[in-house]
Amino acid sequence: MFDSPIDHCPVCGQMVVLDQTQARCAREHNCEPGTLCPLREYFTGTDSTIDQPKETPRDKGC
């Protein structure tokens, strides 16, 4: 089982999952555009809810 990092957001008053992008979290929790997110430094830069491209040996130059 994988446990995603979570934290309480003082803006929306809910627990939020941090293994997503801050933009996705803002959409899911209906944050107003321009809201300064107090958790912004804890979000990943990659949205884990979408399939990421896989590296192949050819992509690495092998």
C-alpha atoms as a PDB file:
ATOM      1  CA  MET A   1       0.000   0.000   0.000  1.00  0.00           C
ATOM      2  CA  PHE A   2       1.253   3.471  -0.867  1.00  0.00           C
ATOM      3  CA  ASP A   3       0.540   6.379   1.440  1.00  0.00           C
ATOM      4  CA  SER A   4       0.487   9.740  -0.285  1.00  0.00           C
ATOM      5  CA  PRO A   5       1.794  12.723   1.669  1.00  0.00           C
ATOM      6  CA  ILE A   6      -1.060  14.875   2.953  1.00  0.00           C
ATOM      7  CA  ASP A   7      -1.385  18.059   4.974  1.00  0.00           C
ATOM      8  CA  HIS A   8      -4.124  20.346   6.246  1.00  0.00           C
ATOM      9  CA  CYS A   9      -4.707  23.414   4.097  1.00  0.00           C
ATOM     10  CA  PRO A  10      -5.660  26.519   6.081  1.00  0.00           C
ATOM     11  CA  VAL A  11      -7.137  28.140   2.952  1.00  0.00           C
ATOM     12  CA  CYS A  12      -9.737  25.490   2.060  1.00  0.00           C
ATOM     13  CA  GLY A  13      -9.890  23.910   5.526  1.00  0.00           C
ATOM     14  CA  GLN A  14      -9.424  20.389   4.174  1.00  0.00           C
ATOM     15  CA  MET A  15      -6.738  17.738   4.039  1.00  0.00           C
ATOM     16  CA  VAL A  16      -4.989  17.841   0.654  1.00  0.00           C
ATOM     17  CA  VAL A  17      -2.825  15.296  -1.139  1.00  0.00           C
ATOM     18  CA  LEU A  18       0.630  16.666  -1.918  1.00  0.00           C
ATOM     19  CA  ASP A  19       1.685  14.177  -4.622  1.00  0.00           C
ATOM     20  CA  GLN A  20      -0.038  16.278  -7.286  1.00  0.00           C
ATOM     21  CA  THR A  21       0.604  19.706  -8.736  1.00  0.00           C
ATOM     22  CA  GLN A  22      -0.486  22.770  -6.821  1.00  0.00           C
ATOM     23  CA  ALA A  23      -2.638  23.814  -9.797  1.00  0.00           C
ATOM     24  CA  ARG A  24      -4.565  20.532  -9.731  1.00  0.00           C
ATOM     25  CA  CYS A  25      -5.131  20.840  -5.986  1.00  0.00           C
ATOM     26  CA  ALA A  26      -6.409  24.404  -6.446  1.00  0.00           C
ATOM     27  CA  ARG A  27      -8.907  23.195  -9.078  1.00  0.00           C
ATOM     28  CA  GLU A  28     -10.093  20.311  -6.894  1.00  0.00           C
ATOM     29  CA  HIS A  29     -10.598  22.531  -3.853  1.00  0.00           C
ATOM     30  CA  ASN A  30     -12.033  25.525  -5.760  1.00  0.00           C
ATOM     31  CA  CYS A  31      -9.347  27.995  -4.736  1.00  0.00           C
ATOM     32  CA  GLU A  32      -9.799  31.442  -6.220  1.00  0.00           C
ATOM     33  CA  PRO A  33      -7.347  32.368  -9.001  1.00  0.00           C
ATOM     34  CA  GLY A  34      -4.390  34.256  -7.560  1.00  0.00           C
ATOM     35  CA  THR A  35      -4.723  32.701  -4.087  1.00  0.00           C
ATOM     36  CA  LEU A  36      -1.283  32.345  -2.513  1.00  0.00           C
ATOM     37  CA  CYS A  37      -1.050  28.697  -1.471  1.00  0.00           C
ATOM     38  CA  PRO A  38       0.596  28.202   1.936  1.00  0.00           C
ATOM     39  CA  LEU A  39       1.537  24.618   0.941  1.00  0.00           C
ATOM     40  CA  ARG A  40       2.969  25.494  -2.502  1.00  0.00           C
ATOM     41  CA  GLU A  41       6.524  24.413  -1.663  1.00  0.00           C
ATOM     42  CA  TYR A  42       5.359  20.916  -0.685  1.00  0.00           C
ATOM     43  CA  PHE A  43       3.608  19.955  -3.924  1.00  0.00           C
ATOM     44  CA  THR A  44       5.333  17.820  -6.494  1.00  0.00           C
ATOM     45  CA  GLY A  45       6.053  19.334  -9.891  1.00  0.00           C
ATOM     46  CA  THR A  46       4.563  16.261 -11.554  1.00  0.00           C
ATOM     47  CA  ASP A  47       0.927  15.284 -11.557  1.00  0.00           C
ATOM     48  CA  SER A  48       0.924  11.641 -10.435  1.00  0.00           C
ATOM     49  CA  THR A  49      -2.687  11.150 -11.505  1.00  0.00           C
ATOM     50  CA  ILE A  50      -1.693  11.002 -15.193  1.00  0.00           C
ATOM     51  CA  ASP A  51       0.480   8.409 -16.875  1.00  0.00           C
ATOM     52  CA  GLN A  52       4.032   9.636 -17.304  1.00  0.00           C
ATOM     53  CA  PRO A  53       6.130   8.552 -20.293  1.00  0.00           C
ATOM     54  CA  LYS A  54       8.434   5.645 -19.576  1.00  0.00           C
ATOM     55  CA  GLU A  55      12.172   5.889 -20.245  1.00  0.00           C
ATOM     56  CA  THR A  56      13.643   3.329 -22.559  1.00  0.00           C
ATOM     57  CA  PRO A  57      17.326   2.518 -23.028  1.00  0.00           C
ATOM     58  CA  ARG A  58      17.157   4.339 -26.387  1.00  0.00           C
ATOM     59  CA  ASP A  59      15.960   7.519 -24.604  1.00  0.00           C
ATOM     60  CA  LYS A  60      19.044   7.376 -22.393  1.00  0.00           C
ATOM     61  CA  GLY A  61      21.393   7.024 -25.350  1.00  0.00           C
ATOM     62  CA  CYS A  62      22.294   3.393 -24.616  1.00  0.00           C
END
